[in-house]
Amino acid sequence: MNELGTRDLIIQASYLAASVLFILGLRSLTKPPQARLGMQQAAMGMLFAVIGTLLNSNILTYQWILIGLVVGGMIGYPMAMKIKMTAMPQFIAFSHAFGAIAATLVGVVEYRVRSGATGEEGLSHGLAAALGLEVLFGALTVTGSFMAFGKLQELITGRPITFKGQNAVNLLMIAVAFTALGLLIVNPMNGAAFYTVLGLAFLLGISMVLPIGGGDMPVVISLLNSYAGLAAAATGFAIGNNVLIIAGALEGAGGFILSLMMSKAMNRSFGNIIFGAFGAAPTKSTAAKGEAKEPRSITPEDAAVQLAYASSVVIIPGYGMALAQAQHVCRELMELIEKKGGEVKYAIHPVAGRMPGHLNVILSEAGIDYGALLTDVDDANRVIATADVVIVIGANDIVNPDAEDDKSSPLYGMPIFRPWTAKAVFVIKRGKGTGFSGVENPLFTRDNTLMLYGDAKGVLGSLVKEIKALDEGH
């Protein structure tokens, strides 16, 4: 076998190993105890993919590849190591944007080169379709991811930014973009059609994410992940890279399926999330009758006494816990309660946090065993109904009774936790404002609800201190 044949065999073997490891990684990620293994398998798969790509005989010089490797490593490694878990959602959005930029640039360069070539090196109808889809999903992901990053980082408002007729404008741009894509496929040399697809995709990324409110950010992150995967798969078709096709298809399908699952978890249609402008303005409950009630507060000293003698406690964390970096103090509180004979469980809603699995990862980082997590809403509610105390930490929408009681609420129909069915509810909140989605929560004025205002880490720290003081007093 000649040198070229041996190299090609090694490349295909590397791509096969990468594909198998990607699939194994996804499989492992479906089971929380194996999630770390799944990430390691996926990382090893990426290593094989990179090795196979670097052996490609079409590479004329490694100069720019080495420069990109060094510069990318110098930027990416410190970012990944220093990023706080609270900022992980915006970091993911930021990463999606740069991955999509790479795919989009490849598409533009390939089109410019191929449109000027003839024969087999020129543009076929199939190649034009691949390049058109590549820049469509790539460019849309670029601007969409930057918009998501801006909302999550609070550089722009997390509330929906809308204008009259916005959905109609978006649908018109989508229709024009796909019409231009069709014209490109019919006539691959139609440069105007190609750049129309590119330009409209950039605009669509902005116009489709801006009207989506903060409460739907987990679905947006998942959907952008799907778009990035589709762009990568199209890139694979365009440049003849099998591992890009496989990895992109896995990412695209996985992200889309996850988006649908999260929509179902919120009991909302996929279209409603994309076009519904959820959380457009602060919304007050219309279900409440009579004079408005004020939330009642409790001191950490009194709350600590109840927790110290509770036999069953359920903690419902939200983004507020992540924002305060309170997971480690939360674990300390859990250990104190368990030491005194109580049982502690964590109820994790499918759409809590700012990206899929956000809170699971944060709690795992603090050393909290996955066995303590209740991730099914119905199962969690059965445990909550028998609990002595439920502690809500920085969550709002996922514990809002209006989702069951108020048909005018944008949350209506969403499966939620029912903390008010427990004997007592402690809500830890920074202030009296609404949550990230802007929807007010009547849970805070329920008869068995007591508020603990302040930073979650500080409040939980006070509870830990008071419980320890009780022990010392005895």
Protein backbone atom coordinates (compact mmCIF):
# COMPACT_ATOMS: atom_id res chain seq x y z
CA MET A 1 0.00 0.00 0.00
CA ASN A 2 1.42 3.41 -0.98
CA GLU A 3 1.91 6.31 1.40
CA LEU A 4 -1.24 8.11 0.23
CA GLY A 5 -3.34 4.98 0.75
CA THR A 6 -1.92 4.43 4.23
CA ARG A 7 -2.60 8.05 5.18
CA ASP A 8 -6.19 7.81 3.94
CA LEU A 9 -6.71 4.61 5.93
CA ILE A 10 -5.43 6.30 9.10
CA ILE A 11 -7.68 9.31 8.47
CA GLN A 12 -10.80 7.18 8.02
CA ALA A 13 -9.89 5.07 11.08
CA SER A 14 -9.49 8.26 13.13
CA TYR A 15 -12.86 9.54 11.91
CA LEU A 16 -14.51 6.21 12.72
CA ALA A 17 -13.06 6.27 16.25
CA ALA A 18 -14.21 9.88 16.68
CA SER A 19 -17.74 9.06 15.53
CA VAL A 20 -18.03 6.07 17.86
CA LEU A 21 -16.75 8.11 20.81
CA PHE A 22 -19.18 10.96 20.05
CA ILE A 23 -22.09 8.51 20.10
CA LEU A 24 -20.85 6.84 23.30
CA GLY A 25 -20.41 10.27 24.86
CA LEU A 26 -24.02 11.23 24.08
CA ARG A 27 -25.22 7.91 25.47
CA SER A 28 -23.28 8.41 28.70
CA LEU A 29 -24.64 11.93 29.10
CA THR A 30 -28.19 10.55 29.35
CA LYS A 31 -27.33 9.14 32.80
CA PRO A 32 -26.16 11.70 35.42
CA PRO A 33 -23.66 9.38 37.17
CA GLN A 34 -21.94 8.77 33.82
CA ALA A 35 -21.98 12.41 32.65
CA ARG A 36 -18.30 13.00 33.43
CA LEU A 37 -17.36 9.87 31.47
CA GLY A 38 -19.50 11.11 28.58
CA MET A 39 -17.60 14.39 28.44
CA GLN A 40 -14.29 12.52 28.48
CA GLN A 41 -15.43 10.25 25.65
CA ALA A 42 -16.55 13.23 23.57
CA ALA A 43 -13.25 15.03 24.22
CA MET A 44 -11.28 11.96 23.14
CA GLY A 45 -13.47 11.74 20.05
CA MET A 46 -12.64 15.34 19.19
CA LEU A 47 -8.93 14.56 19.57
CA PHE A 48 -9.23 11.73 17.02
CA ALA A 49 -11.20 14.05 14.71
CA VAL A 50 -8.48 16.72 14.89
CA ILE A 51 -5.72 14.15 14.25
CA GLY A 52 -7.54 12.81 11.22
CA THR A 53 -8.11 16.28 9.82
CA LEU A 54 -4.47 17.31 10.29
CA LEU A 55 -3.38 14.30 8.19
CA ASN A 56 -5.42 15.49 5.21
CA SER A 57 -3.24 15.51 2.07
CA ASN A 58 -5.00 18.67 0.81
CA ILE A 59 -3.32 20.78 3.50
CA LEU A 60 -0.58 22.74 1.73
CA THR A 61 0.94 24.40 4.78
CA TYR A 62 0.50 24.04 8.54
CA GLN A 63 1.60 27.60 9.28
CA TRP A 64 -1.85 29.12 9.80
CA ILE A 65 -3.14 25.97 11.47
CA LEU A 66 -0.35 26.18 14.06
CA ILE A 67 -0.98 29.89 14.57
CA GLY A 68 -4.70 29.18 15.08
CA LEU A 69 -3.90 26.35 17.48
CA VAL A 70 -1.60 28.50 19.61
CA VAL A 71 -3.79 31.62 19.60
CA GLY A 72 -6.99 29.64 20.17
CA GLY A 73 -5.40 27.70 23.02
CA MET A 74 -4.08 30.88 24.63
CA ILE A 75 -7.57 32.40 24.56
CA GLY A 76 -9.75 29.34 25.16
CA TYR A 77 -7.92 27.61 27.99
CA PRO A 78 -7.89 30.58 30.43
CA MET A 79 -11.51 31.36 29.57
CA ALA A 80 -12.63 27.78 30.25
CA MET A 81 -10.62 27.48 33.47
CA LYS A 82 -11.63 30.82 34.98
CA ILE A 83 -15.27 30.92 33.90
CA LYS A 84 -17.69 30.74 36.82
CA MET A 85 -20.45 28.15 36.68
CA THR A 86 -22.97 30.99 36.95
CA ALA A 87 -21.62 32.39 33.68
CA MET A 88 -21.59 29.04 31.89
CA PRO A 89 -24.81 29.72 29.87
CA GLN A 90 -23.43 32.92 28.33
CA PHE A 91 -20.07 31.20 27.80
CA ILE A 92 -21.86 28.42 25.87
CA ALA A 93 -23.70 31.03 23.78
CA PHE A 94 -20.41 32.83 23.13
CA SER A 95 -18.78 29.54 22.07
CA HIS A 96 -21.65 28.76 19.71
CA ALA A 97 -21.11 32.12 18.04
CA PHE A 98 -17.44 31.48 17.28
CA GLY A 99 -18.08 27.93 16.08
CA ALA A 100 -20.73 29.30 13.76
CA ILE A 101 -18.37 32.04 12.53
CA ALA A 102 -15.92 29.32 11.48
CA ALA A 103 -18.62 27.41 9.59
CA THR A 104 -19.90 30.57 7.91
CA LEU A 105 -16.42 31.67 6.80
CA VAL A 106 -15.74 28.21 5.35
CA GLY A 107 -19.00 28.45 3.41
CA VAL A 108 -18.20 31.90 2.00
CA VAL A 109 -14.64 30.97 1.04
CA GLU A 110 -15.74 27.68 -0.56
CA TYR A 111 -18.40 29.47 -2.59
CA ARG A 112 -15.98 32.14 -3.80
CA VAL A 113 -13.38 29.53 -4.78
CA ARG A 114 -15.81 27.07 -6.35
CA SER A 115 -17.79 29.69 -8.26
CA GLY A 116 -14.59 30.73 -10.03
CA ALA A 117 -13.56 27.15 -10.90
CA THR A 118 -14.72 24.83 -13.67
CA GLY A 119 -15.26 21.09 -14.11
CA GLU A 120 -15.18 18.90 -11.02
CA GLU A 121 -13.77 21.77 -8.95
CA GLY A 122 -16.74 23.98 -9.82
CA LEU A 123 -20.19 24.24 -8.24
CA SER A 124 -22.71 21.45 -8.57
CA HIS A 125 -26.36 21.78 -7.54
CA GLY A 126 -25.78 19.57 -4.48
CA LEU A 127 -22.72 21.53 -3.39
CA ALA A 128 -24.61 24.82 -3.82
CA ALA A 129 -27.36 23.45 -1.55
CA ALA A 130 -24.81 22.43 1.10
CA LEU A 131 -23.06 25.81 1.01
CA GLY A 132 -26.37 27.67 1.11
CA LEU A 133 -27.55 25.74 4.17
CA GLU A 134 -24.13 26.16 5.77
CA VAL A 135 -24.21 29.95 5.65
CA LEU A 136 -27.93 30.05 6.48
CA PHE A 137 -27.64 28.13 9.76
CA GLY A 138 -24.13 29.40 10.45
CA ALA A 139 -24.87 33.12 10.11
CA LEU A 140 -28.17 32.77 11.97
CA THR A 141 -26.32 31.09 14.86
CA VAL A 142 -23.63 33.80 14.91
CA THR A 143 -25.94 36.74 15.55
CA GLY A 144 -28.48 34.69 17.51
CA SER A 145 -25.78 33.49 19.88
CA PHE A 146 -24.42 37.00 20.39
CA MET A 147 -27.96 38.21 21.18
CA ALA A 148 -28.41 35.34 23.67
CA PHE A 149 -25.04 36.17 25.22
CA GLY A 150 -26.06 39.82 25.56
CA LYS A 151 -29.32 38.92 27.28
CA LEU A 152 -27.73 36.41 29.65
CA GLN A 153 -24.88 38.81 30.49
CA GLU A 154 -27.47 41.58 30.90
CA LEU A 155 -25.71 43.76 28.35
CA ILE A 156 -29.16 44.10 26.82
CA THR A 157 -32.49 43.66 28.57
CA GLY A 158 -33.61 40.12 29.28
CA ARG A 159 -37.18 41.09 28.48
CA PRO A 160 -38.51 40.57 24.95
CA ILE A 161 -37.84 43.42 22.53
CA THR A 162 -40.79 43.55 20.20
CA PHE A 163 -42.49 45.79 17.67
CA LYS A 164 -45.81 45.60 15.87
CA GLY A 165 -45.81 43.06 13.06
CA GLN A 166 -42.51 41.52 14.19
CA ASN A 167 -43.58 37.92 13.60
CA ALA A 168 -44.81 38.79 10.12
CA VAL A 169 -41.46 40.42 9.32
CA ASN A 170 -39.57 37.36 10.60
CA LEU A 171 -41.73 34.99 8.57
CA LEU A 172 -41.24 37.15 5.47
CA MET A 173 -37.45 37.10 5.91
CA ILE A 174 -37.52 33.31 6.36
CA ALA A 175 -39.58 32.94 3.19
CA VAL A 176 -37.24 35.20 1.19
CA ALA A 177 -34.15 33.39 2.54
CA PHE A 178 -35.46 29.97 1.48
CA THR A 179 -36.58 31.35 -1.88
CA ALA A 180 -33.05 32.66 -2.44
CA LEU A 181 -31.69 29.26 -1.36
CA GLY A 182 -33.91 27.61 -3.96
CA LEU A 183 -32.67 29.99 -6.66
CA LEU A 184 -29.08 29.21 -5.64
CA ILE A 185 -29.67 25.47 -5.98
CA VAL A 186 -31.23 25.92 -9.43
CA ASN A 187 -28.40 28.22 -10.55
CA PRO A 188 -25.26 27.67 -8.42
CA MET A 189 -23.56 30.66 -10.07
CA ASN A 190 -26.23 33.04 -8.77
CA GLY A 191 -24.02 35.00 -6.37
CA ALA A 192 -26.81 37.44 -5.52
CA ALA A 193 -28.93 34.57 -4.18
CA PHE A 194 -26.03 33.23 -2.09
CA TYR A 195 -25.28 36.57 -0.44
CA THR A 196 -29.00 37.23 0.07
CA VAL A 197 -29.20 34.01 2.10
CA LEU A 198 -26.11 35.10 4.07
CA GLY A 199 -27.39 38.62 4.80
CA LEU A 200 -30.90 37.55 5.78
CA ALA A 201 -29.51 34.82 8.05
CA PHE A 202 -27.52 37.43 9.98
CA LEU A 203 -30.67 39.55 10.38
CA LEU A 204 -32.80 36.55 11.37
CA GLY A 205 -30.43 35.66 14.19
CA ILE A 206 -31.04 39.09 15.70
CA SER A 207 -34.75 39.40 15.00
CA MET A 208 -35.64 35.91 16.21
CA VAL A 209 -33.78 36.05 19.55
CA LEU A 210 -34.52 39.63 20.63
CA PRO A 211 -38.26 38.96 21.14
CA ILE A 212 -37.59 35.88 23.28
CA GLY A 213 -37.70 36.52 27.02
CA GLY A 214 -35.28 35.39 29.68
CA GLY A 215 -37.59 32.62 30.89
CA ASP A 216 -37.11 30.81 27.59
CA MET A 217 -33.31 31.09 27.46
CA PRO A 218 -32.72 27.36 28.15
CA VAL A 219 -34.70 26.50 25.01
CA VAL A 220 -32.90 29.20 23.00
CA ILE A 221 -29.47 27.85 24.02
CA SER A 222 -30.54 24.34 23.03
CA LEU A 223 -31.96 25.52 19.70
CA LEU A 224 -28.84 27.51 18.83
CA ASN A 225 -26.85 24.38 19.58
CA SER A 226 -29.00 22.58 17.01
CA TYR A 227 -28.42 25.30 14.40
CA ALA A 228 -24.66 25.12 15.00
CA GLY A 229 -24.79 21.37 14.45
CA LEU A 230 -26.70 21.74 11.19
CA ALA A 231 -24.15 24.30 9.99
CA ALA A 232 -21.31 21.89 10.87
CA ALA A 233 -23.03 19.01 9.02
CA ALA A 234 -23.50 21.20 5.93
CA THR A 235 -19.81 22.16 6.15
CA GLY A 236 -18.95 18.47 6.17
CA PHE A 237 -20.92 17.91 2.98
CA ALA A 238 -19.34 20.98 1.37
CA ILE A 239 -15.72 19.99 2.04
CA GLY A 240 -16.16 16.21 2.07
CA ASN A 241 -15.40 15.67 5.77
CA ASN A 242 -17.24 12.64 7.13
CA VAL A 243 -16.68 13.32 10.82
CA LEU A 244 -18.16 16.82 10.47
CA ILE A 245 -21.25 15.32 8.88
CA ILE A 246 -21.69 12.78 11.67
CA ALA A 247 -20.87 15.11 14.56
CA GLY A 248 -22.97 17.92 13.09
CA ALA A 249 -25.94 15.64 12.54
CA LEU A 250 -25.70 14.36 16.13
CA GLU A 251 -25.50 17.88 17.52
CA GLY A 252 -28.27 19.17 15.28
CA ALA A 253 -30.68 16.34 16.05
CA GLY A 254 -29.79 16.25 19.76
CA GLY A 255 -30.23 20.00 20.20
CA PHE A 256 -33.57 20.01 18.39
CA ILE A 257 -34.93 17.02 20.33
CA LEU A 258 -33.82 18.63 23.60
CA SER A 259 -35.56 21.88 22.60
CA LEU A 260 -38.79 19.97 21.97
CA MET A 261 -38.46 18.13 25.29
CA MET A 262 -37.96 21.40 27.15
CA SER A 263 -40.96 22.94 25.38
CA LYS A 264 -43.00 19.96 26.55
CA ALA A 265 -41.66 20.44 30.09
CA MET A 266 -43.05 23.99 29.96
CA ASN A 267 -46.31 22.75 28.40
CA ARG A 268 -45.90 25.23 25.57
CA SER A 269 -45.69 24.74 21.85
CA PHE A 270 -42.36 25.20 20.13
CA GLY A 271 -43.86 27.96 17.98
CA ASN A 272 -45.11 29.80 21.06
CA ILE A 273 -41.57 29.96 22.45
CA ILE A 274 -40.08 31.19 19.16
CA PHE A 275 -42.82 33.70 18.35
CA GLY A 276 -44.62 34.21 21.67
CA ALA A 277 -42.53 37.02 23.24
CA PHE A 278 -42.94 35.40 26.66
CA GLY A 279 -42.48 37.77 29.60
CA ALA A 280 -43.06 40.93 27.58
CA ALA A 281 -43.95 42.98 30.64
CA PRO A 282 -44.27 42.45 34.36
CA THR A 283 -47.55 40.67 34.89
CA LYS A 284 -49.58 40.74 38.08
CA SER A 285 -51.76 37.86 39.11
CA THR A 286 -55.40 38.33 38.20
CA ALA A 287 -56.44 35.25 40.13
CA ALA A 288 -56.10 36.88 43.53
CA LYS A 289 -59.26 38.26 45.07
CA GLY A 290 -59.71 41.14 47.48
CA GLU A 291 -57.05 43.33 48.98
CA ALA A 292 -53.46 42.67 47.90
CA LYS A 293 -51.42 40.87 50.55
CA GLU A 294 -47.85 41.63 51.50
CA PRO A 295 -45.26 38.85 51.86
CA ARG A 296 -44.38 37.96 55.46
CA SER A 297 -40.73 37.54 56.43
CA ILE A 298 -38.94 35.37 58.97
CA THR A 299 -35.59 35.80 60.71
CA PRO A 300 -32.75 33.33 60.08
CA GLU A 301 -32.87 32.44 63.82
CA ASP A 302 -36.52 31.32 63.66
CA ALA A 303 -36.05 29.58 60.31
CA ALA A 304 -33.05 27.68 61.69
CA VAL A 305 -35.13 26.30 64.58
CA GLN A 306 -37.71 24.85 62.17
CA LEU A 307 -35.02 23.38 59.91
CA ALA A 308 -33.13 21.86 62.83
CA TYR A 309 -36.17 19.82 63.85
CA ALA A 310 -37.53 19.07 60.37
CA SER A 311 -37.67 15.41 59.35
CA SER A 312 -38.11 16.18 55.65
CA VAL A 313 -36.76 19.19 53.72
CA VAL A 314 -36.96 19.85 49.99
CA ILE A 315 -34.76 22.52 48.41
CA ILE A 316 -35.92 24.06 45.11
CA PRO A 317 -32.99 25.94 43.56
CA GLY A 318 -33.24 28.48 40.78
CA TYR A 319 -30.81 30.73 38.97
CA GLY A 320 -30.57 32.90 42.09
CA MET A 321 -28.67 30.11 43.83
CA ALA A 322 -26.23 29.86 40.93
CA LEU A 323 -25.84 33.62 40.76
CA ALA A 324 -24.93 33.81 44.44
CA GLN A 325 -22.56 30.81 44.20
CA ALA A 326 -24.50 29.37 47.11
CA GLN A 327 -24.27 25.67 46.22
CA HIS A 328 -21.45 24.90 48.68
CA VAL A 329 -23.24 26.56 51.61
CA CYS A 330 -26.38 24.73 50.50
CA ARG A 331 -24.54 21.42 50.81
CA GLU A 332 -23.32 22.45 54.29
CA LEU A 333 -26.90 23.18 55.34
CA MET A 334 -27.97 19.82 53.94
CA GLU A 335 -25.29 18.00 55.94
CA LEU A 336 -26.33 19.74 59.16
CA ILE A 337 -30.00 18.80 58.69
CA GLU A 338 -29.08 15.19 57.86
CA LYS A 339 -26.78 15.04 60.88
CA LYS A 340 -29.79 15.91 63.05
CA GLY A 341 -31.84 13.10 61.46
CA GLY A 342 -33.64 14.97 58.69
CA GLU A 343 -33.79 14.01 55.01
CA VAL A 344 -32.97 16.58 52.31
CA LYS A 345 -33.89 16.35 48.63
CA TYR A 346 -33.41 18.80 45.75
CA ALA A 347 -36.24 19.39 43.27
CA ILE A 348 -34.73 20.34 39.90
CA HIS A 349 -37.12 21.63 37.24
CA PRO A 350 -36.27 20.77 33.60
CA VAL A 351 -36.09 24.46 32.65
CA ALA A 352 -34.54 25.89 35.81
CA GLY A 353 -31.35 27.88 35.32
CA ARG A 354 -30.17 29.43 32.07
CA MET A 355 -29.32 26.31 30.06
CA PRO A 356 -30.27 22.63 30.06
CA GLY A 357 -28.83 20.85 33.11
CA HIS A 358 -27.36 24.07 34.51
CA LEU A 359 -28.36 23.47 38.13
CA ASN A 360 -27.50 19.77 38.01
CA VAL A 361 -23.93 20.69 37.09
CA ILE A 362 -23.68 23.37 39.78
CA LEU A 363 -24.94 21.05 42.52
CA SER A 364 -22.62 18.29 41.33
CA GLU A 365 -19.73 20.76 41.52
CA ALA A 366 -20.55 21.19 45.23
CA GLY A 367 -20.38 17.43 45.79
CA ILE A 368 -24.13 16.86 46.10
CA ASP A 369 -24.95 13.29 45.06
CA TYR A 370 -27.28 12.80 42.08
CA GLY A 371 -29.34 10.46 44.27
CA ALA A 372 -30.57 13.51 46.20
CA LEU A 373 -31.98 15.14 43.05
CA LEU A 374 -35.64 14.92 42.08
CA THR A 375 -35.79 15.73 38.35
CA ASP A 376 -39.34 14.58 37.59
CA VAL A 377 -41.93 17.24 38.43
CA ASP A 378 -44.64 14.79 39.50
CA ASP A 379 -42.28 12.74 41.68
CA ALA A 380 -40.93 15.91 43.28
CA ASN A 381 -44.43 17.18 44.07
CA ARG A 382 -45.28 13.93 45.85
CA VAL A 383 -42.22 14.38 48.07
CA ILE A 384 -42.95 18.09 48.58
CA ALA A 385 -46.50 17.34 49.78
CA THR A 386 -45.12 15.39 52.76
CA ALA A 387 -42.24 17.77 53.55
CA ASP A 388 -41.96 19.77 56.75
CA VAL A 389 -40.13 22.63 55.03
CA VAL A 390 -39.52 23.59 51.41
CA ILE A 391 -36.74 26.10 50.74
CA VAL A 392 -37.04 28.01 47.46
CA ILE A 393 -33.70 29.58 46.52
CA GLY A 394 -33.89 32.21 43.81
CA ALA A 395 -36.59 30.47 41.78
CA ASN A 396 -39.71 32.21 40.51
CA ASP A 397 -41.57 30.82 37.51
CA ILE A 398 -41.16 27.13 38.37
CA VAL A 399 -43.01 27.61 41.69
CA ASN A 400 -45.66 30.09 40.52
CA PRO A 401 -49.23 28.99 41.40
CA ASP A 402 -50.60 31.05 38.51
CA ALA A 403 -49.39 28.29 36.19
CA GLU A 404 -52.29 26.26 37.62
CA ASP A 405 -54.75 28.92 38.78
CA ASP A 406 -54.68 31.88 36.38
CA LYS A 407 -55.59 31.27 32.73
CA SER A 408 -54.50 34.80 31.82
CA SER A 409 -50.94 34.17 33.02
CA PRO A 410 -48.28 33.48 30.37
CA LEU A 411 -47.18 30.60 32.62
CA TYR A 412 -50.58 28.89 32.59
CA GLY A 413 -50.34 25.18 31.86
CA MET A 414 -46.63 24.90 32.62
CA PRO A 415 -45.85 21.96 34.96
CA ILE A 416 -44.52 23.46 38.19
CA PHE A 417 -43.46 22.48 41.68
CA ARG A 418 -46.12 22.97 44.38
CA PRO A 419 -44.19 24.08 47.49
CA TRP A 420 -47.30 25.51 49.15
CA THR A 421 -48.50 21.92 49.77
CA ALA A 422 -45.72 21.47 52.34
CA LYS A 423 -46.15 22.49 55.99
CA ALA A 424 -43.92 25.57 55.58
CA VAL A 425 -42.20 27.38 52.72
CA PHE A 426 -39.09 29.54 53.07
CA VAL A 427 -38.35 31.69 50.01
CA ILE A 428 -34.85 33.14 49.73
CA LYS A 429 -34.87 36.16 47.44
CA ARG A 430 -32.63 39.16 46.87
CA GLY A 431 -35.56 41.58 46.79
CA LYS A 432 -39.28 41.97 46.22
CA GLY A 433 -39.07 42.23 42.43
CA THR A 434 -40.23 39.71 39.85
CA GLY A 435 -38.08 36.95 38.44
CA PHE A 436 -36.09 37.02 35.22
CA SER A 437 -39.22 36.50 33.11
CA GLY A 438 -41.02 39.47 34.70
CA VAL A 439 -44.04 37.50 35.95
CA GLU A 440 -45.17 38.15 39.53
CA ASN A 441 -45.55 35.23 41.93
CA PRO A 442 -48.49 34.91 44.37
CA LEU A 443 -46.67 32.10 46.19
CA PHE A 444 -44.85 34.80 48.15
CA THR A 445 -48.10 35.88 49.84
CA ARG A 446 -49.46 32.40 50.65
CA ASP A 447 -50.32 31.76 54.30
CA ASN A 448 -47.54 29.21 54.86
CA THR A 449 -44.86 31.14 52.94
CA LEU A 450 -42.20 33.16 54.75
CA MET A 451 -39.55 35.28 53.05
CA LEU A 452 -35.82 35.44 53.79
CA TYR A 453 -34.52 38.47 51.91
CA GLY A 454 -30.91 38.78 50.89
CA ASP A 455 -28.14 37.20 48.87
CA ALA A 456 -28.69 33.42 48.83
CA LYS A 457 -25.15 32.63 49.96
CA GLY A 458 -25.40 35.05 52.88
CA VAL A 459 -28.86 33.86 53.97
CA LEU A 460 -27.90 30.18 53.79
CA GLY A 461 -24.71 30.99 55.68
CA SER A 462 -26.80 32.59 58.42
CA LEU A 463 -29.01 29.50 58.63
CA VAL A 464 -25.94 27.27 58.94
CA LYS A 465 -24.53 29.51 61.67
CA GLU A 466 -27.79 29.52 63.64
CA ILE A 467 -28.22 25.73 63.46
CA LYS A 468 -24.66 25.29 64.72
CA ALA A 469 -25.42 27.74 67.50
CA LEU A 470 -28.45 25.64 68.49
CA ASP A 471 -26.22 22.58 68.77
CA GLU A 472 -23.71 24.46 70.90
CA GLY A 473 -26.54 25.73 73.11
CA HIS A 474 -27.60 22.16 73.84
